């Protein structure tokens, strides 16, 4: 009986120890949970401070500020572009005015040059024969003196010599002006420099195709034919 009682008490004690140990473990676990929760709550404000969560109202304000800044930057760029366009327009306008001014000046200068050239040509055409006429005047004077002495002249030979002198003087004057007589006597006929008015039988075989007689003399001014000689050609 005593042994049974001892075993029963011993079992109660073991159960009590086990219950106490279990309670202690559970209490310890609860304490650890509480400590962990407390530590988390302590760390939470620091984390929120270090990494604050964005607030919806703050986000809207930030977005609005960014939008305003972007709009302001866009407006500034737009104003700069408009100003650049205005400056470029003013530059082009000034360049156009300069070109128009130069164009008008050039037209005026050309018009003045044209009028001056026409005036000079007209004056030249009016006075072109002045030097030639001045050269002819001495020849005319010689003819006047010859005519004055012609009625009272008794020596026809002297008159003839005087006329020859005036004629030679006139020919020398023409030569000085570049006028020369075209040779025709017994020359080969050349349609470039001669004008045939008729053809007659050649008096000899050698004169066939050559000029036999000259009806009117021809002249050149330098290398240009100013009057074709009228000739008779043998055939």
Protein backbone atom coordinates (compact mmCIF):
# COMPACT_ATOMS: atom_id res chain seq x y z
CA UNK A 1 0.00 0.00 0.00
CA UNK A 2 2.73 2.40 0.94
CA UNK A 3 4.53 1.53 -2.30
CA UNK A 4 1.48 2.38 -4.38
CA UNK A 5 1.07 5.63 -2.50
CA UNK A 6 4.73 6.46 -3.18
CA UNK A 7 4.35 5.75 -6.87
CA UNK A 8 1.22 7.84 -7.08
CA UNK A 9 2.90 10.80 -5.35
CA UNK A 10 5.90 10.38 -7.57
CA UNK A 11 3.72 10.45 -10.72
CA UNK A 12 1.91 13.55 -9.46
CA UNK A 13 5.26 15.25 -8.92
CA UNK A 14 6.46 14.28 -12.41
CA UNK A 15 3.26 15.55 -13.94
CA UNK A 16 3.54 18.75 -11.93
CA UNK A 17 7.13 19.23 -13.09
CA UNK A 18 6.15 18.60 -16.67
CA UNK A 19 3.20 20.97 -16.43
CA UNK A 20 5.39 23.62 -14.85
CA UNK A 21 8.03 23.13 -17.51
CA UNK A 22 5.41 23.41 -20.24
CA UNK A 23 3.94 26.52 -18.69
CA UNK A 24 7.42 27.98 -18.39
CA UNK A 25 8.18 27.26 -22.03
CA UNK A 26 4.87 28.73 -23.16
CA UNK A 27 5.45 31.77 -21.01
CA UNK A 28 8.92 32.14 -22.46
CA UNK A 29 7.58 31.88 -25.97
CA UNK A 30 4.94 34.50 -25.19
CA UNK A 31 7.60 36.75 -23.72
CA UNK A 32 9.75 36.30 -26.83
CA UNK A 33 6.80 37.14 -29.05
CA UNK A 34 6.08 40.22 -26.96
CA UNK A 35 9.73 41.25 -27.07
CA UNK A 36 9.86 40.73 -30.84
CA UNK A 37 6.69 42.72 -31.34
CA UNK A 38 7.96 45.47 -29.08
CA UNK A 39 11.26 45.55 -30.94
CA UNK A 40 9.45 45.70 -34.28
CA UNK A 41 7.31 48.55 -33.03
CA UNK A 42 10.44 50.36 -31.88
CA UNK A 43 12.17 49.83 -35.23
CA UNK A 44 9.08 50.79 -37.27
CA UNK A 45 9.24 54.57 -36.66
CA UNK A 46 12.94 54.58 -37.58
CA UNK A 47 12.23 52.67 -40.81
CA UNK A 48 9.36 54.99 -41.60
CA UNK A 49 11.63 57.91 -40.92
CA UNK A 50 14.37 56.46 -43.11
CA UNK A 51 11.98 55.22 -45.77
CA UNK A 52 8.83 57.28 -45.49
CA UNK A 53 5.89 56.02 -47.46
CA UNK A 54 4.70 58.37 -50.15
CA UNK A 55 1.57 60.16 -49.24
CA UNK A 56 -1.08 60.46 -51.96
CA UNK A 57 -1.46 64.19 -51.38
CA UNK A 58 2.29 64.71 -51.41
CA UNK A 59 2.54 62.75 -54.69
CA UNK A 60 -0.09 64.98 -56.28
CA UNK A 61 1.71 68.09 -55.13
CA UNK A 62 5.04 66.78 -56.45
CA UNK A 63 3.46 65.82 -59.78
CA UNK A 64 1.80 69.22 -59.99
CA UNK A 65 5.08 70.98 -59.28
CA UNK A 66 6.87 68.86 -61.88
CA UNK A 67 4.11 69.60 -64.40
CA UNK A 68 4.35 73.33 -63.69
CA UNK A 69 8.13 73.18 -64.08
CA UNK A 70 7.79 71.31 -67.37
CA UNK A 71 5.17 73.80 -68.62
CA UNK A 72 7.40 76.68 -67.60
CA UNK A 73 10.38 75.12 -69.39
CA UNK A 74 8.23 74.49 -72.48
CA UNK A 75 7.00 78.09 -72.43
CA UNK A 76 10.58 79.37 -72.19
CA UNK A 77 11.65 77.20 -75.12
CA UNK A 78 8.64 78.34 -77.11
CA UNK A 79 9.43 81.99 -76.37
CA UNK A 80 13.07 81.44 -77.39
CA UNK A 81 11.95 79.79 -80.65
CA UNK A 82 9.56 82.68 -81.36
CA UNK A 83 12.30 85.23 -80.63
CA UNK A 84 14.72 83.36 -82.89
CA UNK A 85 12.13 83.34 -85.67
CA UNK A 86 11.54 87.09 -85.22
CA UNK A 87 15.29 87.79 -85.30
CA UNK A 88 15.72 85.68 -88.43
CA UNK A 89 12.78 87.45 -90.06
CA UNK A 90 14.32 90.86 -89.27
CA UNK A 91 17.66 89.70 -90.67
CA UNK A 92 16.05 88.48 -93.89
CA UNK A 93 14.10 91.72 -94.14
CA UNK A 94 17.29 93.79 -93.85
CA UNK A 95 19.04 91.60 -96.42
CA UNK A 96 16.09 92.01 -98.80
CA UNK A 97 16.16 95.78 -98.35
CA UNK A 98 19.91 95.82 -99.06
CA UNK A 99 19.43 93.74 -102.21
CA UNK A 100 16.59 95.97 -103.40
CA UNK A 101 18.73 99.06 -102.77
CA UNK A 102 21.66 97.56 -104.70
CA UNK A 103 19.32 96.52 -107.50
CA UNK A 104 17.86 100.02 -107.79
CA UNK A 105 21.33 101.57 -107.73
CA UNK A 106 22.51 99.17 -110.44
CA UNK A 107 19.51 99.98 -112.63
CA UNK A 108 20.11 103.71 -112.15
CA UNK A 109 23.81 103.36 -112.99
CA UNK A 110 23.03 101.30 -116.10
CA UNK A 111 20.42 103.83 -117.23
CA UNK A 112 22.91 106.68 -116.77
CA UNK A 113 25.57 104.68 -118.66
CA UNK A 114 23.14 103.97 -121.52
CA UNK A 115 22.12 107.63 -121.79
CA UNK A 116 25.75 108.78 -121.65
CA UNK A 117 26.76 106.24 -124.31
CA UNK A 118 23.93 107.29 -126.61
CA UNK A 119 24.87 110.92 -126.16
CA UNK A 120 28.51 110.20 -126.96
CA UNK A 121 27.51 108.21 -130.04
CA UNK A 122 25.31 111.03 -131.26
CA UNK A 123 28.07 113.57 -130.69
CA UNK A 124 30.57 111.27 -132.41
CA UNK A 125 28.30 110.79 -135.42
CA UNK A 126 27.84 114.55 -135.68
CA UNK A 127 31.54 115.33 -135.43
CA UNK A 128 32.93 112.17 -137.06
CA UNK A 129 33.51 113.89 -140.42
CA UNK A 130 34.94 117.03 -138.89
CA UNK A 131 38.59 116.02 -139.35
CA UNK A 132 37.91 114.81 -142.90
CA UNK A 133 36.22 118.07 -143.83
CA UNK A 134 39.09 120.05 -142.31
CA UNK A 135 41.48 118.04 -144.50
CA UNK A 136 39.41 118.77 -147.61
CA UNK A 137 39.32 122.51 -147.05
CA UNK A 138 42.90 123.14 -148.38
CA UNK A 139 41.98 121.23 -151.56
CA UNK A 140 38.92 123.41 -152.01
CA UNK A 141 41.05 126.49 -151.43
CA UNK A 142 43.37 125.34 -154.23
CA UNK A 143 40.41 124.85 -156.58
CA UNK A 144 39.11 128.33 -155.74
CA UNK A 145 42.48 129.91 -156.60
CA UNK A 146 42.70 127.88 -159.80
CA UNK A 147 39.23 128.99 -160.87
CA UNK A 148 40.08 132.63 -160.08
CA UNK A 149 43.12 132.51 -162.42
CA UNK A 150 41.54 130.32 -165.07
CA UNK A 151 39.93 133.17 -167.05
CA UNK A 152 43.09 135.27 -167.08
CA UNK A 153 45.50 132.37 -167.68
CA UNK A 154 47.23 132.36 -171.07
CA UNK A 155 49.44 129.31 -170.55
CA UNK A 156 47.29 126.15 -170.73
CA UNK A 157 50.28 124.02 -169.74
CA UNK A 158 50.61 125.89 -166.44
CA UNK A 159 46.86 125.44 -165.84
CA UNK A 160 47.15 121.73 -166.51
CA UNK A 161 50.09 121.44 -164.09
CA UNK A 162 48.14 123.29 -161.43
CA UNK A 163 45.16 120.94 -161.83
CA UNK A 164 47.48 117.94 -161.61
CA UNK A 165 48.95 119.30 -158.39
CA UNK A 166 45.49 119.72 -156.85
CA UNK A 167 44.48 116.22 -158.01
CA UNK A 168 47.62 114.60 -156.54
CA UNK A 169 47.10 116.55 -153.34
CA UNK A 170 43.56 115.22 -153.09
CA UNK A 171 44.71 111.65 -153.77
CA UNK A 172 47.35 111.93 -151.05
CA UNK A 173 44.67 113.15 -148.65
CA UNK A 174 42.49 110.12 -149.45
CA UNK A 175 45.47 107.85 -148.94
CA UNK A 176 46.08 109.39 -145.51
CA UNK A 177 42.47 108.53 -144.62
CA UNK A 178 43.00 104.86 -145.62
CA UNK A 179 41.27 105.15 -148.99
CA UNK A 180 43.05 103.40 -151.87
CA UNK A 181 42.18 102.79 -155.51
CA UNK A 182 41.44 99.23 -156.65
CA UNK A 183 43.73 98.17 -159.50
CA UNK A 184 41.84 97.04 -162.62
CA UNK A 185 44.07 97.39 -165.69
CA UNK A 186 44.69 93.95 -167.24
CA UNK A 187 43.91 92.30 -163.86
CA UNK A 188 42.21 88.95 -163.52
CA UNK A 189 38.49 89.46 -162.98
CA UNK A 190 37.50 88.84 -159.34
CA UNK A 191 33.84 88.96 -158.49
CA UNK A 192 34.77 89.74 -154.87
CA UNK A 193 36.34 93.08 -155.79
CA UNK A 194 35.11 93.87 -159.35
CA UNK A 195 31.72 94.49 -160.93
CA UNK A 196 31.46 93.40 -164.58
CA UNK A 197 29.04 95.53 -166.58
CA UNK A 198 29.68 93.82 -169.92
CA UNK A 199 31.85 91.34 -171.78
CA UNK A 200 33.55 91.84 -175.10
CA UNK A 201 35.77 89.63 -177.28
CA UNK A 202 39.31 89.77 -175.98
CA UNK A 203 41.74 91.46 -178.39
CA UNK A 204 44.30 88.76 -177.59
CA UNK A 205 44.43 85.31 -176.08
CA UNK A 206 46.22 86.64 -173.00
CA UNK A 207 43.37 89.05 -172.12
CA UNK A 208 40.66 86.39 -171.95
CA UNK A 209 39.07 86.51 -168.51
CA UNK A 210 40.90 89.74 -167.71
CA UNK A 211 39.74 93.34 -167.35
CA UNK A 212 40.04 95.25 -170.60
CA UNK A 213 38.56 98.59 -169.57
CA UNK A 214 37.39 100.36 -166.38
CA UNK A 215 34.26 102.48 -166.70
CA UNK A 216 34.27 103.67 -163.10
CA UNK A 217 37.05 103.37 -160.56
CA UNK A 218 36.59 101.50 -157.30
CA UNK A 219 38.01 102.20 -153.87
CA UNK A 220 38.80 100.47 -150.57
CA UNK A 221 38.75 101.88 -147.09
CA UNK A 222 41.59 99.96 -145.50
CA UNK A 223 40.60 96.35 -146.43
CA UNK A 224 36.90 97.00 -147.04
CA UNK A 225 35.53 97.70 -150.53
CA UNK A 226 33.51 100.92 -150.32
CA UNK A 227 32.85 101.09 -154.09
CA UNK A 228 33.25 98.31 -156.64
CA UNK A 229 34.95 99.26 -159.90
CA UNK A 230 32.74 98.85 -162.97
CA UNK A 231 34.77 97.01 -165.58
CA UNK A 232 34.61 95.42 -169.04
CA UNK A 233 35.84 91.81 -169.17
CA UNK A 234 37.33 90.07 -172.23
CA UNK A 235 36.11 86.63 -173.35
